[in-house]
Amino acid sequence: MIKAFNLRKILTFIVSVLLPLAIGWLSAYVTGDIQGVYDSLIQPPFAPPGWVFPVVWTVLYILMGIALYIIVKNGFSSSEVREAVLYFGITLIFNFLWTPVFFRFGLILFALIWLAAMIILAVINIIQFYKINKWAGILLIPYLIWLLFAFALNLGVYLLNGPTI
């Protein structure tokens, strides 16, 4: 019985971490030539090289997955947990869609507005997770910081490449 319980915890952890990673990979896959589009745009001076993004996103998705695990290991009997996981799922959907909106369809202004919504969702998610477990909420703070940086970068790209984009 103890072994089965530990196996369930291990599988829950693996799924919790792999879910955001898989969403991020799938988003990049369906988007196509992200690096080519990134390189073709006039970037603000604070824009990092393109290789930074997959590294940072991998770390962020792992942190998000660990935070998710901390929450779901409490079980779904609590409405607070169910709501927090629902918002986490909505956050992942928004995250998934931003990449094709920006890189595949070139809707840079719309992507900026989409990022604003992602920031709001991230704040809500941090608060919800923090109420259940403070470490789960804290693990989402780097994600929020990166979204704020992405917003500034997206705004810079929009302003430098003209309002026709």
N, C-alpha and C. Protein backbone atom coordinates (compact mmCIF):
# COMPACT_ATOMS: atom_id res chain seq x y z
N MET A 1 0.83 -1.20 0.00
CA MET A 1 0.00 0.00 0.00
C MET A 1 0.87 1.26 0.00
N ILE A 2 1.92 1.27 0.80
CA ILE A 2 2.79 2.44 0.85
C ILE A 2 3.48 2.64 -0.49
N LYS A 3 3.92 1.55 -1.13
CA LYS A 3 4.58 1.67 -2.42
C LYS A 3 3.64 2.24 -3.48
N ALA A 4 2.39 1.79 -3.49
CA ALA A 4 1.40 2.30 -4.45
C ALA A 4 1.15 3.78 -4.21
N PHE A 5 1.10 4.18 -2.94
CA PHE A 5 0.88 5.59 -2.62
C PHE A 5 2.05 6.44 -3.11
N ASN A 6 3.27 5.97 -2.88
CA ASN A 6 4.45 6.70 -3.34
C ASN A 6 4.50 6.77 -4.86
N LEU A 7 4.13 5.68 -5.52
CA LEU A 7 4.11 5.66 -6.97
C LEU A 7 3.11 6.70 -7.49
N ARG A 8 1.96 6.79 -6.85
CA ARG A 8 0.96 7.78 -7.26
C ARG A 8 1.50 9.20 -7.09
N LYS A 9 2.20 9.46 -6.00
CA LYS A 9 2.80 10.78 -5.79
C LYS A 9 3.85 11.08 -6.84
N ILE A 10 4.66 10.08 -7.16
CA ILE A 10 5.71 10.27 -8.17
C ILE A 10 5.08 10.53 -9.53
N LEU A 11 4.07 9.76 -9.89
CA LEU A 11 3.40 9.96 -11.18
C LEU A 11 2.71 11.32 -11.24
N THR A 12 2.10 11.72 -10.14
CA THR A 12 1.46 13.04 -10.09
C THR A 12 2.49 14.14 -10.28
N PHE A 13 3.64 13.99 -9.66
CA PHE A 13 4.72 14.97 -9.82
C PHE A 13 5.18 15.03 -11.27
N ILE A 14 5.42 13.86 -11.86
CA ILE A 14 5.90 13.81 -13.25
C ILE A 14 4.89 14.46 -14.19
N VAL A 15 3.62 14.12 -14.05
CA VAL A 15 2.59 14.70 -14.91
C VAL A 15 2.49 16.20 -14.69
N SER A 16 2.56 16.62 -13.44
CA SER A 16 2.47 18.06 -13.12
C SER A 16 3.58 18.86 -13.77
N VAL A 17 4.78 18.29 -13.81
CA VAL A 17 5.92 18.99 -14.41
C VAL A 17 5.89 18.88 -15.93
N LEU A 18 5.53 17.70 -16.44
CA LEU A 18 5.53 17.51 -17.88
C LEU A 18 4.41 18.28 -18.59
N LEU A 19 3.31 18.52 -17.91
CA LEU A 19 2.18 19.21 -18.54
C LEU A 19 2.57 20.59 -19.06
N PRO A 20 3.11 21.50 -18.23
CA PRO A 20 3.51 22.80 -18.77
C PRO A 20 4.62 22.69 -19.82
N LEU A 21 5.56 21.77 -19.61
CA LEU A 21 6.63 21.58 -20.60
C LEU A 21 6.06 21.15 -21.94
N ALA A 22 5.10 20.24 -21.91
CA ALA A 22 4.49 19.75 -23.15
C ALA A 22 3.69 20.86 -23.84
N ILE A 23 2.98 21.66 -23.06
CA ILE A 23 2.21 22.77 -23.64
C ILE A 23 3.17 23.75 -24.32
N GLY A 24 4.27 24.07 -23.65
CA GLY A 24 5.25 24.98 -24.23
C GLY A 24 5.88 24.43 -25.50
N TRP A 25 6.23 23.14 -25.48
CA TRP A 25 6.83 22.52 -26.66
C TRP A 25 5.83 22.50 -27.81
N LEU A 26 4.59 22.13 -27.52
CA LEU A 26 3.56 22.06 -28.55
C LEU A 26 3.29 23.43 -29.16
N SER A 27 3.27 24.45 -28.34
CA SER A 27 3.07 25.82 -28.82
C SER A 27 4.18 26.22 -29.79
N ALA A 28 5.41 25.93 -29.42
CA ALA A 28 6.54 26.25 -30.29
C ALA A 28 6.47 25.43 -31.58
N TYR A 29 6.09 24.17 -31.46
CA TYR A 29 6.01 23.29 -32.62
C TYR A 29 4.97 23.79 -33.64
N VAL A 30 3.78 24.12 -33.16
CA VAL A 30 2.73 24.56 -34.09
C VAL A 30 3.00 25.96 -34.64
N THR A 31 3.82 26.73 -33.96
CA THR A 31 4.12 28.08 -34.41
C THR A 31 5.08 28.08 -35.58
N GLY A 32 6.07 27.23 -35.56
CA GLY A 32 7.01 27.17 -36.68
C GLY A 32 8.29 27.93 -36.39
N ASP A 33 8.74 28.72 -37.35
CA ASP A 33 10.05 29.38 -37.31
C ASP A 33 10.09 30.58 -36.37
N ILE A 34 10.11 30.33 -35.10
CA ILE A 34 10.12 31.39 -34.10
C ILE A 34 11.41 32.20 -34.21
N GLN A 35 12.55 31.52 -34.28
CA GLN A 35 13.84 32.20 -34.33
C GLN A 35 13.95 33.09 -35.56
N GLY A 36 13.49 32.62 -36.70
CA GLY A 36 13.55 33.41 -37.93
C GLY A 36 12.73 34.68 -37.82
N VAL A 37 11.54 34.57 -37.27
CA VAL A 37 10.69 35.76 -37.09
C VAL A 37 11.33 36.71 -36.09
N TYR A 38 11.83 36.16 -34.98
CA TYR A 38 12.47 36.98 -33.95
C TYR A 38 13.63 37.77 -34.54
N ASP A 39 14.45 37.09 -35.33
CA ASP A 39 15.62 37.73 -35.94
C ASP A 39 15.23 38.79 -36.97
N SER A 40 14.06 38.65 -37.58
CA SER A 40 13.63 39.59 -38.63
C SER A 40 13.06 40.90 -38.07
N LEU A 41 12.75 40.92 -36.79
CA LEU A 41 12.14 42.10 -36.18
C LEU A 41 13.20 43.04 -35.60
N ILE A 42 12.92 44.33 -35.66
CA ILE A 42 13.78 45.29 -34.97
C ILE A 42 13.50 45.13 -33.48
N GLN A 43 14.55 44.89 -32.72
CA GLN A 43 14.41 44.60 -31.29
C GLN A 43 14.85 45.81 -30.46
N PRO A 44 14.22 46.01 -29.31
CA PRO A 44 14.71 47.04 -28.40
C PRO A 44 16.09 46.64 -27.86
N PRO A 45 16.85 47.61 -27.35
CA PRO A 45 18.22 47.31 -26.91
C PRO A 45 18.32 46.27 -25.79
N PHE A 46 17.27 46.10 -25.04
CA PHE A 46 17.32 45.15 -23.92
C PHE A 46 16.88 43.74 -24.33
N ALA A 47 16.63 43.52 -25.61
CA ALA A 47 16.19 42.20 -26.08
C ALA A 47 17.33 41.19 -25.96
N PRO A 48 17.05 40.05 -25.35
CA PRO A 48 18.09 39.03 -25.24
C PRO A 48 18.25 38.28 -26.56
N PRO A 49 19.36 37.56 -26.71
CA PRO A 49 19.49 36.71 -27.91
C PRO A 49 18.41 35.63 -27.90
N GLY A 50 18.06 35.16 -29.06
CA GLY A 50 16.96 34.21 -29.19
C GLY A 50 17.12 32.93 -28.40
N TRP A 51 18.36 32.46 -28.20
CA TRP A 51 18.57 31.20 -27.49
C TRP A 51 18.14 31.28 -26.02
N VAL A 52 18.02 32.50 -25.48
CA VAL A 52 17.66 32.66 -24.07
C VAL A 52 16.22 32.18 -23.80
N PHE A 53 15.34 32.40 -24.75
CA PHE A 53 13.92 32.12 -24.53
C PHE A 53 13.62 30.65 -24.22
N PRO A 54 14.10 29.69 -25.02
CA PRO A 54 13.79 28.30 -24.66
C PRO A 54 14.39 27.88 -23.32
N VAL A 55 15.54 28.43 -22.97
CA VAL A 55 16.15 28.10 -21.69
C VAL A 55 15.29 28.63 -20.54
N VAL A 56 14.93 29.91 -20.64
CA VAL A 56 14.12 30.52 -19.58
C VAL A 56 12.76 29.84 -19.48
N TRP A 57 12.12 29.61 -20.62
CA TRP A 57 10.79 28.98 -20.59
C TRP A 57 10.85 27.57 -20.01
N THR A 58 11.90 26.84 -20.30
CA THR A 58 12.03 25.50 -19.72
C THR A 58 12.08 25.57 -18.20
N VAL A 59 12.89 26.48 -17.68
CA VAL A 59 12.98 26.65 -16.23
C VAL A 59 11.63 27.09 -15.65
N LEU A 60 10.99 28.05 -16.31
CA LEU A 60 9.69 28.54 -15.82
C LEU A 60 8.64 27.44 -15.83
N TYR A 61 8.59 26.65 -16.90
CA TYR A 61 7.61 25.57 -16.97
C TYR A 61 7.87 24.52 -15.88
N ILE A 62 9.12 24.26 -15.58
CA ILE A 62 9.42 23.32 -14.50
C ILE A 62 8.95 23.88 -13.16
N LEU A 63 9.23 25.16 -12.91
CA LEU A 63 8.77 25.79 -11.66
C LEU A 63 7.24 25.78 -11.58
N MET A 64 6.59 26.06 -12.70
CA MET A 64 5.12 26.04 -12.73
C MET A 64 4.60 24.63 -12.44
N GLY A 65 5.27 23.62 -13.01
CA GLY A 65 4.85 22.25 -12.77
C GLY A 65 5.03 21.83 -11.32
N ILE A 66 6.12 22.26 -10.71
CA ILE A 66 6.33 21.95 -9.29
C ILE A 66 5.25 22.63 -8.44
N ALA A 67 4.95 23.88 -8.77
CA ALA A 67 3.89 24.60 -8.05
C ALA A 67 2.55 23.88 -8.21
N LEU A 68 2.27 23.44 -9.43
CA LEU A 68 1.02 22.69 -9.67
C LEU A 68 0.99 21.43 -8.82
N TYR A 69 2.09 20.72 -8.78
CA TYR A 69 2.15 19.49 -7.98
C TYR A 69 1.85 19.78 -6.51
N ILE A 70 2.45 20.84 -5.98
CA ILE A 70 2.23 21.19 -4.57
C ILE A 70 0.73 21.41 -4.31
N ILE A 71 0.05 21.99 -5.29
CA ILE A 71 -1.38 22.25 -5.12
C ILE A 71 -2.20 20.98 -5.29
N VAL A 72 -1.97 20.21 -6.36
CA VAL A 72 -2.82 19.05 -6.63
C VAL A 72 -2.60 17.90 -5.65
N LYS A 73 -1.45 17.86 -4.99
CA LYS A 73 -1.25 16.78 -4.02
C LYS A 73 -2.19 16.93 -2.82
N ASN A 74 -2.82 18.11 -2.70
CA ASN A 74 -3.82 18.32 -1.66
C ASN A 74 -5.15 17.64 -1.99
N GLY A 75 -5.30 17.19 -3.24
CA GLY A 75 -6.54 16.54 -3.66
C GLY A 75 -7.53 17.57 -4.19
N PHE A 76 -8.51 17.07 -4.89
CA PHE A 76 -9.49 17.95 -5.54
C PHE A 76 -10.79 18.07 -4.75
N SER A 77 -10.79 17.62 -3.52
CA SER A 77 -12.01 17.73 -2.72
C SER A 77 -12.28 19.18 -2.32
N SER A 78 -11.24 19.98 -2.29
CA SER A 78 -11.39 21.39 -1.93
C SER A 78 -11.74 22.22 -3.16
N SER A 79 -12.76 23.05 -3.04
CA SER A 79 -13.13 23.93 -4.15
C SER A 79 -12.02 24.94 -4.43
N GLU A 80 -11.28 25.30 -3.40
CA GLU A 80 -10.15 26.22 -3.56
C GLU A 80 -9.07 25.62 -4.47
N VAL A 81 -8.80 24.34 -4.28
CA VAL A 81 -7.82 23.65 -5.13
C VAL A 81 -8.35 23.54 -6.55
N ARG A 82 -9.60 23.15 -6.71
CA ARG A 82 -10.18 23.01 -8.05
C ARG A 82 -10.14 24.34 -8.80
N GLU A 83 -10.48 25.43 -8.12
CA GLU A 83 -10.46 26.75 -8.76
C GLU A 83 -9.03 27.16 -9.13
N ALA A 84 -8.09 26.91 -8.25
CA ALA A 84 -6.70 27.26 -8.53
C ALA A 84 -6.17 26.47 -9.73
N VAL A 85 -6.51 25.20 -9.82
CA VAL A 85 -6.07 24.37 -10.94
C VAL A 85 -6.76 24.82 -12.23
N LEU A 86 -8.02 25.20 -12.13
CA LEU A 86 -8.73 25.72 -13.31
C LEU A 86 -8.04 26.97 -13.85
N TYR A 87 -7.72 27.90 -12.97
CA TYR A 87 -7.02 29.12 -13.42
C TYR A 87 -5.63 28.81 -13.95
N PHE A 88 -4.97 27.83 -13.37
CA PHE A 88 -3.68 27.40 -13.88
C PHE A 88 -3.84 26.89 -15.31
N GLY A 89 -4.88 26.09 -15.54
CA GLY A 89 -5.15 25.58 -16.88
C GLY A 89 -5.45 26.70 -17.87
N ILE A 90 -6.22 27.68 -17.45
CA ILE A 90 -6.51 28.83 -18.31
C ILE A 90 -5.22 29.59 -18.62
N THR A 91 -4.38 29.72 -17.61
CA THR A 91 -3.08 30.38 -17.80
C THR A 91 -2.25 29.63 -18.85
N LEU A 92 -2.23 28.31 -18.77
CA LEU A 92 -1.49 27.52 -19.75
C LEU A 92 -2.06 27.68 -21.17
N ILE A 93 -3.38 27.75 -21.28
CA ILE A 93 -3.99 27.96 -22.59
C ILE A 93 -3.58 29.31 -23.16
N PHE A 94 -3.65 30.35 -22.34
CA PHE A 94 -3.22 31.68 -22.79
C PHE A 94 -1.74 31.65 -23.19
N ASN A 95 -0.94 30.97 -22.40
CA ASN A 95 0.49 30.85 -22.69
C ASN A 95 0.71 30.14 -24.02
N PHE A 96 -0.02 29.05 -24.22
CA PHE A 96 0.08 28.29 -25.46
C PHE A 96 -0.24 29.17 -26.67
N LEU A 97 -1.26 29.97 -26.58
CA LEU A 97 -1.74 30.75 -27.72
C LEU A 97 -0.91 31.99 -28.02
N TRP A 98 -0.20 32.53 -27.02
CA TRP A 98 0.54 33.76 -27.27
C TRP A 98 1.60 33.57 -28.37
N THR A 99 2.31 32.47 -28.33
CA THR A 99 3.41 32.26 -29.28
C THR A 99 2.93 32.27 -30.74
N PRO A 100 1.90 31.51 -31.10
CA PRO A 100 1.44 31.61 -32.49
C PRO A 100 0.83 32.97 -32.83
N VAL A 101 0.16 33.60 -31.87
CA VAL A 101 -0.40 34.93 -32.13
C VAL A 101 0.71 35.89 -32.53
N PHE A 102 1.81 35.87 -31.79
CA PHE A 102 2.91 36.79 -32.04
C PHE A 102 3.74 36.36 -33.25
N PHE A 103 4.23 35.12 -33.24
CA PHE A 103 5.22 34.69 -34.23
C PHE A 103 4.62 34.14 -35.52
N ARG A 104 3.56 33.40 -35.43
CA ARG A 104 3.00 32.79 -36.65
C ARG A 104 2.11 33.77 -37.40
N PHE A 105 1.25 34.47 -36.65
CA PHE A 105 0.28 35.36 -37.29
C PHE A 105 0.74 36.82 -37.31
N GLY A 106 1.80 37.15 -36.57
CA GLY A 106 2.35 38.51 -36.58
C GLY A 106 1.43 39.57 -36.01
N LEU A 107 0.54 39.17 -35.13
CA LEU A 107 -0.41 40.11 -34.51
C LEU A 107 0.22 40.70 -33.25
N ILE A 108 1.18 41.57 -33.43
CA ILE A 108 2.03 42.02 -32.33
C ILE A 108 1.26 42.88 -31.33
N LEU A 109 0.39 43.75 -31.81
CA LEU A 109 -0.42 44.55 -30.88
C LEU A 109 -1.39 43.66 -30.12
N PHE A 110 -2.03 42.74 -30.82
CA PHE A 110 -2.95 41.81 -30.14
C PHE A 110 -2.19 40.96 -29.14
N ALA A 111 -0.97 40.54 -29.49
CA ALA A 111 -0.15 39.75 -28.57
C ALA A 111 0.17 40.56 -27.31
N LEU A 112 0.36 41.86 -27.46
CA LEU A 112 0.62 42.73 -26.31
C LEU A 112 -0.58 42.76 -25.38
N ILE A 113 -1.76 42.89 -25.96
CA ILE A 113 -2.99 42.88 -25.16
C ILE A 113 -3.17 41.51 -24.50
N TRP A 114 -2.86 40.46 -25.27
CA TRP A 114 -2.94 39.09 -24.75
C TRP A 114 -1.99 38.91 -23.56
N LEU A 115 -0.80 39.49 -23.65
CA LEU A 115 0.16 39.44 -22.55
C LEU A 115 -0.37 40.14 -21.30
N ALA A 116 -1.07 41.25 -21.49
CA ALA A 116 -1.68 41.94 -20.34
C ALA A 116 -2.66 41.01 -19.63
N ALA A 117 -3.44 40.28 -20.41
CA ALA A 117 -4.37 39.31 -19.80
C ALA A 117 -3.60 38.20 -19.11
N MET A 118 -2.49 37.76 -19.70
CA MET A 118 -1.67 36.71 -19.08
C MET A 118 -1.10 37.17 -17.75
N ILE A 119 -0.71 38.44 -17.68
CA ILE A 119 -0.17 39.00 -16.43
C ILE A 119 -1.25 38.99 -15.35
N ILE A 120 -2.45 39.39 -15.72
CA ILE A 120 -3.57 39.38 -14.76
C ILE A 120 -3.83 37.95 -14.29
N LEU A 121 -3.86 37.01 -15.23
CA LEU A 121 -4.08 35.61 -14.85
C LEU A 121 -2.97 35.09 -13.95
N ALA A 122 -1.74 35.48 -14.22
CA ALA A 122 -0.62 35.04 -13.39
C ALA A 122 -0.75 35.57 -11.96
N VAL A 123 -1.15 36.83 -11.83
CA VAL A 123 -1.35 37.41 -10.49
C VAL A 123 -2.45 36.65 -9.75
N ILE A 124 -3.56 36.39 -10.44
CA ILE A 124 -4.65 35.64 -9.82
C ILE A 124 -4.16 34.26 -9.40
N ASN A 125 -3.41 33.60 -10.29
CA ASN A 125 -2.90 32.27 -9.99
C ASN A 125 -1.94 32.27 -8.81
N ILE A 126 -1.07 33.26 -8.74
CA ILE A 126 -0.14 33.37 -7.61
C ILE A 126 -0.91 33.51 -6.31
N ILE A 127 -1.90 34.38 -6.30
CA ILE A 127 -2.70 34.59 -5.08
C ILE A 127 -3.41 33.30 -4.67
N GLN A 128 -4.03 32.63 -5.65
CA GLN A 128 -4.75 31.39 -5.34
C GLN A 128 -3.80 30.32 -4.81
N PHE A 129 -2.67 30.14 -5.48
CA PHE A 129 -1.72 29.12 -5.03
C PHE A 129 -1.16 29.48 -3.65
N TYR A 130 -0.85 30.75 -3.45
CA TYR A 130 -0.27 31.20 -2.18
C TYR A 130 -1.22 30.92 -1.02
N LYS A 131 -2.52 31.11 -1.24
CA LYS A 131 -3.52 30.84 -0.19
C LYS A 131 -3.52 29.37 0.23
N ILE A 132 -3.25 28.50 -0.72
CA ILE A 132 -3.24 27.06 -0.44
C ILE A 132 -1.89 26.64 0.12
N ASN A 133 -0.83 27.12 -0.50
CA ASN A 133 0.53 26.79 -0.05
C ASN A 133 1.44 27.93 -0.49
N LYS A 134 2.07 28.60 0.45
CA LYS A 134 2.84 29.79 0.11
C LYS A 134 3.97 29.50 -0.88
N TRP A 135 4.60 28.30 -0.78
CA TRP A 135 5.70 27.98 -1.69
C TRP A 135 5.21 27.80 -3.12
N ALA A 136 4.01 27.28 -3.27
CA ALA A 136 3.44 27.14 -4.61
C ALA A 136 3.24 28.51 -5.25
N GLY A 137 2.76 29.46 -4.46
CA GLY A 137 2.60 30.83 -4.97
C GLY A 137 3.94 31.47 -5.29
N ILE A 138 4.91 31.28 -4.43
CA ILE A 138 6.24 31.87 -4.63
C ILE A 138 6.90 31.31 -5.89
N LEU A 139 6.68 30.04 -6.17
CA LEU A 139 7.27 29.42 -7.36
C LEU A 139 6.75 30.02 -8.67
N LEU A 140 5.60 30.68 -8.61
CA LEU A 140 5.03 31.31 -9.82
C LEU A 140 5.52 32.74 -10.02
N ILE A 141 6.19 33.31 -9.05
CA ILE A 141 6.65 34.70 -9.17
C ILE A 141 7.64 34.89 -10.31
N PRO A 142 8.61 34.00 -10.53
CA PRO A 142 9.49 34.19 -11.70
C PRO A 142 8.72 34.23 -13.02
N TYR A 143 7.65 33.46 -13.12
CA TYR A 143 6.80 33.48 -14.31
C TYR A 143 6.19 34.87 -14.50
N LEU A 144 5.68 35.46 -13.43
CA LEU A 144 5.12 36.81 -13.51
C LEU A 144 6.19 37.82 -13.92
N ILE A 145 7.36 37.72 -13.33
CA ILE A 145 8.45 38.64 -13.68
C ILE A 145 8.80 38.51 -15.16
N TRP A 146 8.87 37.28 -15.66
CA TRP A 146 9.19 37.07 -17.07
C TRP A 146 8.08 37.62 -17.97
N LEU A 147 6.83 37.46 -17.55
CA LEU A 147 5.72 38.03 -18.33
C LEU A 147 5.81 39.55 -18.39
N LEU A 148 6.19 40.17 -17.30
CA LEU A 148 6.36 41.63 -17.29
C LEU A 148 7.48 42.05 -18.23
N PHE A 149 8.58 41.29 -18.22
CA PHE A 149 9.67 41.56 -19.16
C PHE A 149 9.19 41.34 -20.60
N ALA A 150 8.47 40.25 -20.83
CA ALA A 150 7.95 39.96 -22.17
C ALA A 150 7.01 41.07 -22.64
N PHE A 151 6.24 41.63 -21.72
CA PHE A 151 5.34 42.74 -22.07
C PHE A 151 6.16 43.94 -22.55
N ALA A 152 7.20 44.27 -21.81
CA ALA A 152 8.07 45.39 -22.21
C ALA A 152 8.73 45.10 -23.56
N LEU A 153 9.18 43.88 -23.75
CA LEU A 153 9.81 43.50 -25.01
C LEU A 153 8.81 43.55 -26.16
N ASN A 154 7.63 43.02 -25.94
CA ASN A 154 6.56 43.03 -26.95
C ASN A 154 6.19 44.47 -27.31
N LEU A 155 6.09 45.33 -26.31
CA LEU A 155 5.78 46.75 -26.55
C LEU A 155 6.90 47.39 -27.37
N GLY A 156 8.14 47.11 -27.00
CA GLY A 156 9.28 47.65 -27.74
C GLY A 156 9.27 47.20 -29.19
N VAL A 157 9.00 45.93 -29.43
CA VAL A 157 8.94 45.41 -30.80
C VAL A 157 7.82 46.09 -31.57
N TYR A 158 6.69 46.26 -30.93
CA TYR A 158 5.57 46.93 -31.59
C TYR A 158 5.93 48.37 -31.98
N LEU A 159 6.52 49.10 -31.05
CA LEU A 159 6.86 50.50 -31.31
C LEU A 159 7.96 50.64 -32.37
N LEU A 160 8.93 49.75 -32.35
CA LEU A 160 10.04 49.83 -33.30
C LEU A 160 9.71 49.32 -34.70
N ASN A 161 8.72 48.49 -34.79
CA ASN A 161 8.37 47.91 -36.09
C ASN A 161 7.14 48.54 -36.71
N GLY A 162 6.63 49.56 -36.07
CA GLY A 162 5.52 50.32 -36.65
C GLY A 162 4.15 49.76 -36.31
N PRO A 163 3.18 50.64 -36.28
CA PRO A 163 1.82 50.24 -35.90
C PRO A 163 1.11 49.43 -36.97
N THR A 164 1.73 49.21 -38.11
CA THR A 164 1.08 48.42 -39.14
C THR A 164 1.13 46.92 -38.84
N ILE A 165 1.96 46.55 -37.87
CA ILE A 165 2.10 45.12 -37.53
C ILE A 165 0.96 44.70 -36.64
